[in-house]
Amino acid sequence: MKRLLLVFGLVVALSPLSVRADMIAVEADSIAPPPPTGLFTFIHALVDSSTSTFYPQGPGPFDYVFDGVAETAGAHTLTNGVIPVVTESITDLGNGKIKVSIWSASPTGTDLFPGGYFGGGNPLDSGGVVLGGGGGHALDFGGPVQVVQATLSLTRDGVIILGPFDVTGFFANPWDGSAKIILLGKTDRGINDVHLDIVVMPEPASVVLLGGACLLTLATRPQRGPARG
């Protein structure tokens, strides 16, 4: 006689096979994504907040190497002649999470987001940061990741004057490594350091593997023939 058992949702313990699948899913969740490598695009923009239009400062290129070394990006000079230096780092937070930090700095007394400029006939009244996107190089983790939290701080001459702000809402999940962040009204403030922290983890494997699915388990019991005398 055969019995068919249908179980929906998360499997706790039904058979050796199903228990093993659940263990594999939990183990995959605890493995942190590898740090990004190669080129990534980081643009300092001025923004028309009335239309949310980003205007990159300077001709570019805007590409940096994710290697933990402070660097300028070729001929990337801002509208006011400032040349930013971009640095990045990785911090292992445990439990499958890493923090990606990117900060951009310019000399004391300068401004990464100068005021008094126009685009499309409108004043560029806000600053903006573009990570990847627009045909640029996104951060590459070698697979899909989820943004747990993202924060941004703005500094003037070594002193944090604004933030840290929670900017998680500017990031999609799963995250493709690119984002656009508007710094509303943050021009002509003497901001010469931008610090962006992004905490990421792998896309939850248990959800992908088991969520919304059903497990079919077939149990077969041997048939017994009639008793013989």
C-alpha atoms as a PDB file:
ATOM      1  CA  MET A   1       0.000   0.000   0.000  1.00  0.00           C
ATOM      2  CA  LYS A   2       1.393   3.455  -0.926  1.00  0.00           C
ATOM      3  CA  ARG A   3       0.872   6.679   1.019  1.00  0.00           C
ATOM      4  CA  LEU A   4       1.345  10.136  -0.488  1.00  0.00           C
ATOM      5  CA  LEU A   5       2.249  12.955   1.942  1.00  0.00           C
ATOM      6  CA  LEU A   6       2.122  16.626   0.878  1.00  0.00           C
ATOM      7  CA  VAL A   7       3.815  19.187   3.122  1.00  0.00           C
ATOM      8  CA  PHE A   8       3.865  22.902   2.273  1.00  0.00           C
ATOM      9  CA  GLY A   9       6.322  25.508   3.598  1.00  0.00           C
ATOM     10  CA  LEU A  10       9.470  24.936   5.630  1.00  0.00           C
ATOM     11  CA  VAL A  11      10.615  21.370   6.166  1.00  0.00           C
ATOM     12  CA  VAL A  12      11.721  20.577   9.695  1.00  0.00           C
ATOM     13  CA  ALA A  13      12.108  16.821   9.768  1.00  0.00           C
ATOM     14  CA  LEU A  14      10.292  14.336   7.555  1.00  0.00           C
ATOM     15  CA  SER A  15      12.898  12.110   6.038  1.00  0.00           C
ATOM     16  CA  PRO A  16      16.700  11.901   5.835  1.00  0.00           C
ATOM     17  CA  LEU A  17      16.568  13.538   2.405  1.00  0.00           C
ATOM     18  CA  SER A  18      14.401  16.480   3.451  1.00  0.00           C
ATOM     19  CA  VAL A  19      16.403  17.129   6.629  1.00  0.00           C
ATOM     20  CA  ARG A  20      19.619  17.223   4.630  1.00  0.00           C
ATOM     21  CA  ALA A  21      18.147  19.734   2.168  1.00  0.00           C
ATOM     22  CA  ASP A  22      17.208  22.036   5.030  1.00  0.00           C
ATOM     23  CA  MET A  23      20.690  21.743   6.560  1.00  0.00           C
ATOM     24  CA  ILE A  24      22.310  22.647   3.245  1.00  0.00           C
ATOM     25  CA  ALA A  25      20.072  25.731   2.940  1.00  0.00           C
ATOM     26  CA  VAL A  26      20.988  27.002   6.411  1.00  0.00           C
ATOM     27  CA  GLU A  27      24.687  26.374   5.809  1.00  0.00           C
ATOM     28  CA  ALA A  28      24.572  28.323   2.528  1.00  0.00           C
ATOM     29  CA  ASP A  29      23.000  31.301   4.315  1.00  0.00           C
ATOM     30  CA  SER A  30      25.925  31.523   6.760  1.00  0.00           C
ATOM     31  CA  ILE A  31      28.573  31.864   4.053  1.00  0.00           C
ATOM     32  CA  ALA A  32      29.485  35.505   3.366  1.00  0.00           C
ATOM     33  CA  PRO A  33      29.642  36.690  -0.250  1.00  0.00           C
ATOM     34  CA  PRO A  34      33.146  37.205  -1.648  1.00  0.00           C
ATOM     35  CA  PRO A  35      34.410  40.799  -1.708  1.00  0.00           C
ATOM     36  CA  PRO A  36      33.874  42.629  -4.997  1.00  0.00           C
ATOM     37  CA  THR A  37      36.801  42.762  -7.383  1.00  0.00           C
ATOM     38  CA  GLY A  38      37.798  44.636 -10.504  1.00  0.00           C
ATOM     39  CA  LEU A  39      36.553  48.017 -11.656  1.00  0.00           C
ATOM     40  CA  PHE A  40      33.617  49.874 -10.182  1.00  0.00           C
ATOM     41  CA  THR A  41      32.087  53.208 -11.162  1.00  0.00           C
ATOM     42  CA  PHE A  42      31.672  55.973  -8.571  1.00  0.00           C
ATOM     43  CA  ILE A  43      30.320  59.316  -9.794  1.00  0.00           C
ATOM     44  CA  HIS A  44      30.013  62.599  -7.904  1.00  0.00           C
ATOM     45  CA  ALA A  45      26.950  64.247  -9.426  1.00  0.00           C
ATOM     46  CA  LEU A  46      24.984  67.457  -9.162  1.00  0.00           C
ATOM     47  CA  VAL A  47      21.223  66.900  -9.218  1.00  0.00           C
ATOM     48  CA  ASP A  48      18.167  68.834 -10.325  1.00  0.00           C
ATOM     49  CA  SER A  49      15.847  67.775  -7.499  1.00  0.00           C
ATOM     50  CA  SER A  50      12.736  68.950  -9.370  1.00  0.00           C
ATOM     51  CA  THR A  51      13.259  66.238 -11.993  1.00  0.00           C
ATOM     52  CA  SER A  52      15.681  63.900 -10.130  1.00  0.00           C
ATOM     53  CA  THR A  53      18.102  64.314 -13.036  1.00  0.00           C
ATOM     54  CA  PHE A  54      21.743  63.494 -12.281  1.00  0.00           C
ATOM     55  CA  TYR A  55      24.539  65.460 -13.975  1.00  0.00           C
ATOM     56  CA  PRO A  56      27.976  63.814 -13.571  1.00  0.00           C
ATOM     57  CA  GLN A  57      30.728  66.294 -12.721  1.00  0.00           C
ATOM     58  CA  GLY A  58      33.583  66.279 -15.187  1.00  0.00           C
ATOM     59  CA  PRO A  59      34.243  64.269 -18.321  1.00  0.00           C
ATOM     60  CA  GLY A  60      35.315  61.066 -16.580  1.00  0.00           C
ATOM     61  CA  PRO A  61      36.355  58.309 -16.603  1.00  0.00           C
ATOM     62  CA  PHE A  62      34.724  57.531 -13.253  1.00  0.00           C
ATOM     63  CA  ASP A  63      36.140  54.045 -12.698  1.00  0.00           C
ATOM     64  CA  TYR A  64      38.156  52.822  -9.714  1.00  0.00           C
ATOM     65  CA  VAL A  65      39.725  49.472  -8.796  1.00  0.00           C
ATOM     66  CA  PHE A  66      38.268  47.762  -5.723  1.00  0.00           C
ATOM     67  CA  ASP A  67      41.567  46.963  -4.037  1.00  0.00           C
ATOM     68  CA  GLY A  68      41.670  49.037  -0.838  1.00  0.00           C
ATOM     69  CA  VAL A  69      44.122  51.535  -2.325  1.00  0.00           C
ATOM     70  CA  ALA A  70      43.294  55.271  -2.391  1.00  0.00           C
ATOM     71  CA  GLU A  71      43.213  56.460  -5.988  1.00  0.00           C
ATOM     72  CA  THR A  72      42.019  59.103  -8.384  1.00  0.00           C
ATOM     73  CA  ALA A  73      40.129  58.113 -11.528  1.00  0.00           C
ATOM     74  CA  GLY A  74      42.186  59.248 -14.485  1.00  0.00           C
ATOM     75  CA  ALA A  75      40.983  62.630 -15.692  1.00  0.00           C
ATOM     76  CA  HIS A  76      38.003  62.738 -13.309  1.00  0.00           C
ATOM     77  CA  THR A  77      37.991  66.399 -12.273  1.00  0.00           C
ATOM     78  CA  LEU A  78      34.866  67.907 -10.709  1.00  0.00           C
ATOM     79  CA  THR A  79      33.078  70.971 -12.055  1.00  0.00           C
ATOM     80  CA  ASN A  80      35.006  73.240  -9.666  1.00  0.00           C
ATOM     81  CA  GLY A  81      38.396  71.704 -10.507  1.00  0.00           C
ATOM     82  CA  VAL A  82      38.557  69.410  -7.460  1.00  0.00           C
ATOM     83  CA  ILE A  83      40.015  65.932  -7.972  1.00  0.00           C
ATOM     84  CA  PRO A  84      38.455  63.410  -5.536  1.00  0.00           C
ATOM     85  CA  VAL A  85      40.309  60.443  -4.064  1.00  0.00           C
ATOM     86  CA  VAL A  86      38.290  57.249  -3.559  1.00  0.00           C
ATOM     87  CA  THR A  87      39.139  54.406  -1.159  1.00  0.00           C
ATOM     88  CA  GLU A  88      37.303  51.198  -0.335  1.00  0.00           C
ATOM     89  CA  SER A  89      37.445  48.413   2.239  1.00  0.00           C
ATOM     90  CA  ILE A  90      35.723  45.198   3.375  1.00  0.00           C
ATOM     91  CA  THR A  91      34.787  44.230   6.953  1.00  0.00           C
ATOM     92  CA  ASP A  92      33.632  40.703   7.817  1.00  0.00           C
ATOM     93  CA  LEU A  93      30.707  41.053  10.247  1.00  0.00           C
ATOM     94  CA  GLY A  94      30.132  37.306  10.708  1.00  0.00           C
ATOM     95  CA  ASN A  95      26.856  35.414  10.225  1.00  0.00           C
ATOM     96  CA  GLY A  96      27.268  35.598   6.460  1.00  0.00           C
ATOM     97  CA  LYS A  97      27.440  39.411   6.328  1.00  0.00           C
ATOM     98  CA  ILE A  98      30.136  41.764   5.083  1.00  0.00           C
ATOM     99  CA  LYS A  99      30.329  45.557   5.146  1.00  0.00           C
ATOM    100  CA  VAL A 100      31.482  47.298   1.980  1.00  0.00           C
ATOM    101  CA  SER A 101      32.838  50.783   2.717  1.00  0.00           C
ATOM    102  CA  ILE A 102      33.537  53.391   0.055  1.00  0.00           C
ATOM    103  CA  TRP A 103      34.640  56.889   0.863  1.00  0.00           C
ATOM    104  CA  SER A 104      35.536  59.832  -1.311  1.00  0.00           C
ATOM    105  CA  ALA A 105      37.628  62.770  -0.121  1.00  0.00           C
ATOM    106  CA  SER A 106      39.011  66.040  -1.414  1.00  0.00           C
ATOM    107  CA  PRO A 107      41.459  68.528   0.165  1.00  0.00           C
ATOM    108  CA  THR A 108      40.552  70.695   3.165  1.00  0.00           C
ATOM    109  CA  GLY A 109      38.452  73.698   2.215  1.00  0.00           C
ATOM    110  CA  THR A 110      37.133  72.207  -1.042  1.00  0.00           C
ATOM    111  CA  ASP A 111      33.635  71.016  -1.924  1.00  0.00           C
ATOM    112  CA  LEU A 112      32.653  67.750  -3.628  1.00  0.00           C
ATOM    113  CA  PHE A 113      29.210  69.198  -4.435  1.00  0.00           C
ATOM    114  CA  PRO A 114      29.639  72.882  -5.374  1.00  0.00           C
ATOM    115  CA  GLY A 115      26.683  75.229  -5.728  1.00  0.00           C
ATOM    116  CA  GLY A 116      25.685  77.761  -8.369  1.00  0.00           C
ATOM    117  CA  TYR A 117      25.444  75.410 -11.373  1.00  0.00           C
ATOM    118  CA  PHE A 118      22.570  74.763 -13.774  1.00  0.00           C
ATOM    119  CA  GLY A 119      21.455  71.863 -15.938  1.00  0.00           C
ATOM    120  CA  GLY A 120      18.649  71.913 -18.486  1.00  0.00           C
ATOM    121  CA  GLY A 121      17.887  75.483 -17.418  1.00  0.00           C
ATOM    122  CA  ASN A 122      17.254  74.435 -13.815  1.00  0.00           C
ATOM    123  CA  PRO A 123      19.438  74.995 -10.742  1.00  0.00           C
ATOM    124  CA  LEU A 124      21.392  71.949  -9.607  1.00  0.00           C
ATOM    125  CA  ASP A 125      20.420  72.263  -5.977  1.00  0.00           C
ATOM    126  CA  SER A 126      21.415  68.830  -4.663  1.00  0.00           C
ATOM    127  CA  GLY A 127      24.372  66.510  -4.585  1.00  0.00           C
ATOM    128  CA  GLY A 128      24.319  62.944  -5.787  1.00  0.00           C
ATOM    129  CA  VAL A 129      26.320  59.740  -5.717  1.00  0.00           C
ATOM    130  CA  VAL A 130      26.110  57.149  -8.491  1.00  0.00           C
ATOM    131  CA  LEU A 131      27.501  53.672  -7.892  1.00  0.00           C
ATOM    132  CA  GLY A 132      27.664  51.591 -11.068  1.00  0.00           C
ATOM    133  CA  GLY A 133      24.678  52.024 -13.377  1.00  0.00           C
ATOM    134  CA  GLY A 134      24.382  54.102 -16.512  1.00  0.00           C
ATOM    135  CA  GLY A 135      26.639  51.754 -18.455  1.00  0.00           C
ATOM    136  CA  GLY A 136      29.273  51.850 -15.711  1.00  0.00           C
ATOM    137  CA  HIS A 137      30.817  49.028 -13.715  1.00  0.00           C
ATOM    138  CA  ALA A 138      28.633  47.785 -10.858  1.00  0.00           C
ATOM    139  CA  LEU A 139      30.117  46.110  -7.785  1.00  0.00           C
ATOM    140  CA  ASP A 140      30.497  42.433  -8.643  1.00  0.00           C
ATOM    141  CA  PHE A 141      30.072  39.894  -5.833  1.00  0.00           C
ATOM    142  CA  GLY A 142      30.012  36.900  -8.154  1.00  0.00           C
ATOM    143  CA  GLY A 143      26.343  36.237  -7.406  1.00  0.00           C
ATOM    144  CA  PRO A 144      23.133  37.818  -6.090  1.00  0.00           C
ATOM    145  CA  VAL A 145      23.328  39.592  -2.730  1.00  0.00           C
ATOM    146  CA  GLN A 146      20.842  41.252  -0.407  1.00  0.00           C
ATOM    147  CA  VAL A 147      21.413  44.703   1.113  1.00  0.00           C
ATOM    148  CA  VAL A 148      20.762  44.502   4.857  1.00  0.00           C
ATOM    149  CA  GLN A 149      21.529  48.155   5.569  1.00  0.00           C
ATOM    150  CA  ALA A 150      23.224  51.110   3.894  1.00  0.00           C
ATOM    151  CA  THR A 151      24.284  54.367   5.552  1.00  0.00           C
ATOM    152  CA  LEU A 152      25.954  57.531   4.312  1.00  0.00           C
ATOM    153  CA  SER A 153      27.832  60.259   6.202  1.00  0.00           C
ATOM    154  CA  LEU A 154      28.961  63.686   4.977  1.00  0.00           C
ATOM    155  CA  THR A 155      32.073  65.302   6.436  1.00  0.00           C
ATOM    156  CA  ARG A 156      33.620  68.759   6.273  1.00  0.00           C
ATOM    157  CA  ASP A 157      37.321  69.037   7.090  1.00  0.00           C
ATOM    158  CA  GLY A 158      37.340  65.886   9.202  1.00  0.00           C
ATOM    159  CA  VAL A 159      34.121  66.567  11.128  1.00  0.00           C
ATOM    160  CA  ILE A 160      30.855  64.750  10.345  1.00  0.00           C
ATOM    161  CA  ILE A 161      28.290  67.482   9.723  1.00  0.00           C
ATOM    162  CA  LEU A 162      25.438  65.375   8.327  1.00  0.00           C
ATOM    163  CA  GLY A 163      24.490  61.768   8.957  1.00  0.00           C
ATOM    164  CA  PRO A 164      24.897  58.961   9.098  1.00  0.00           C
ATOM    165  CA  PHE A 165      21.718  58.723   7.030  1.00  0.00           C
ATOM    166  CA  ASP A 166      19.918  55.450   6.395  1.00  0.00           C
ATOM    167  CA  VAL A 167      19.953  55.154   2.589  1.00  0.00           C
ATOM    168  CA  THR A 168      18.891  51.500   2.363  1.00  0.00           C
ATOM    169  CA  GLY A 169      15.813  52.539   0.390  1.00  0.00           C
ATOM    170  CA  PHE A 170      18.004  53.548  -2.563  1.00  0.00           C
ATOM    171  CA  PHE A 171      19.113  49.914  -3.022  1.00  0.00           C
ATOM    172  CA  ALA A 172      17.083  47.171  -4.715  1.00  0.00           C
ATOM    173  CA  ASN A 173      16.919  43.586  -3.441  1.00  0.00           C
ATOM    174  CA  PRO A 174      18.360  41.414  -4.795  1.00  0.00           C
ATOM    175  CA  TRP A 175      21.056  44.006  -5.401  1.00  0.00           C
ATOM    176  CA  ASP A 176      22.863  44.240  -8.727  1.00  0.00           C
ATOM    177  CA  GLY A 177      25.741  46.349  -7.365  1.00  0.00           C
ATOM    178  CA  SER A 178      24.500  49.745  -8.564  1.00  0.00           C
ATOM    179  CA  ALA A 179      22.583  52.615  -6.940  1.00  0.00           C
ATOM    180  CA  LYS A 180      21.763  56.314  -7.228  1.00  0.00           C
ATOM    181  CA  ILE A 181      21.580  58.392  -4.035  1.00  0.00           C
ATOM    182  CA  ILE A 182      20.262  61.963  -3.943  1.00  0.00           C
ATOM    183  CA  LEU A 183      21.723  64.255  -1.265  1.00  0.00           C
ATOM    184  CA  LEU A 184      18.789  66.643  -1.194  1.00  0.00           C
ATOM    185  CA  GLY A 185      19.854  70.283  -0.877  1.00  0.00           C
ATOM    186  CA  LYS A 186      23.449  69.301  -0.061  1.00  0.00           C
ATOM    187  CA  THR A 187      25.373  71.653  -2.363  1.00  0.00           C
ATOM    188  CA  ASP A 188      27.688  74.492  -1.374  1.00  0.00           C
ATOM    189  CA  ARG A 189      28.121  73.034   2.144  1.00  0.00           C
ATOM    190  CA  GLY A 190      31.878  72.530   2.043  1.00  0.00           C
ATOM    191  CA  ILE A 191      31.423  68.748   2.044  1.00  0.00           C
ATOM    192  CA  ASN A 192      34.800  67.196   1.230  1.00  0.00           C
ATOM    193  CA  ASP A 193      34.276  63.617   2.425  1.00  0.00           C
ATOM    194  CA  VAL A 194      31.503  61.138   1.637  1.00  0.00           C
ATOM    195  CA  HIS A 195      31.440  57.811   3.482  1.00  0.00           C
ATOM    196  CA  LEU A 196      29.140  55.046   2.235  1.00  0.00           C
ATOM    197  CA  ASP A 197      28.699  51.768   4.167  1.00  0.00           C
ATOM    198  CA  ILE A 198      26.743  48.877   2.642  1.00  0.00           C
ATOM    199  CA  VAL A 199      26.065  45.678   4.614  1.00  0.00           C
ATOM    200  CA  VAL A 200      25.303  42.728   2.330  1.00  0.00           C
ATOM    201  CA  MET A 201      24.643  39.015   2.636  1.00  0.00           C
ATOM    202  CA  PRO A 202      23.835  36.290   0.099  1.00  0.00           C
ATOM    203  CA  GLU A 203      20.280  35.989  -1.112  1.00  0.00           C
ATOM    204  CA  PRO A 204      18.621  33.656   1.444  1.00  0.00           C
ATOM    205  CA  ALA A 205      19.177  30.171   0.054  1.00  0.00           C
ATOM    206  CA  SER A 206      16.506  28.649   2.281  1.00  0.00           C
ATOM    207  CA  VAL A 207      13.878  30.901   0.746  1.00  0.00           C
ATOM    208  CA  VAL A 208      14.993  30.060  -2.756  1.00  0.00           C
ATOM    209  CA  LEU A 209      15.194  26.361  -2.005  1.00  0.00           C
ATOM    210  CA  LEU A 210      12.124  25.777   0.140  1.00  0.00           C
ATOM    211  CA  GLY A 211       9.861  28.809   0.227  1.00  0.00           C
ATOM    212  CA  GLY A 212       6.502  28.267  -1.429  1.00  0.00           C
ATOM    213  CA  ALA A 213       7.420  24.759  -2.477  1.00  0.00           C
ATOM    214  CA  CYS A 214       5.997  21.386  -1.575  1.00  0.00           C
ATOM    215  CA  LEU A 215       7.754  18.180  -0.697  1.00  0.00           C
ATOM    216  CA  LEU A 216       6.443  14.883  -1.963  1.00  0.00           C
ATOM    217  CA  THR A 217       7.396  11.854   0.099  1.00  0.00           C
ATOM    218  CA  LEU A 218       6.409   8.393  -0.958  1.00  0.00           C
ATOM    219  CA  ALA A 219       6.362   5.696   1.720  1.00  0.00           C
ATOM    220  CA  THR A 220       5.977   2.129   0.570  1.00  0.00           C
ATOM    221  CA  ARG A 221       4.902  -0.605   2.924  1.00  0.00           C
ATOM    222  CA  PRO A 222       5.533  -4.219   1.881  1.00  0.00           C
ATOM    223  CA  GLN A 223       2.415  -6.110   0.827  1.00  0.00           C
ATOM    224  CA  ARG A 224       1.643  -9.213   2.819  1.00  0.00           C
ATOM    225  CA  GLY A 225      -0.022 -12.155   1.136  1.00  0.00           C
ATOM    226  CA  PRO A 226      -2.686 -14.317   2.769  1.00  0.00           C
ATOM    227  CA  ALA A 227      -1.592 -16.456   5.701  1.00  0.00           C
ATOM    228  CA  ARG A 228      -0.745 -20.005   4.835  1.00  0.00           C
ATOM    229  CA  GLY A 229      -1.349 -22.910   7.074  1.00  0.00           C
END
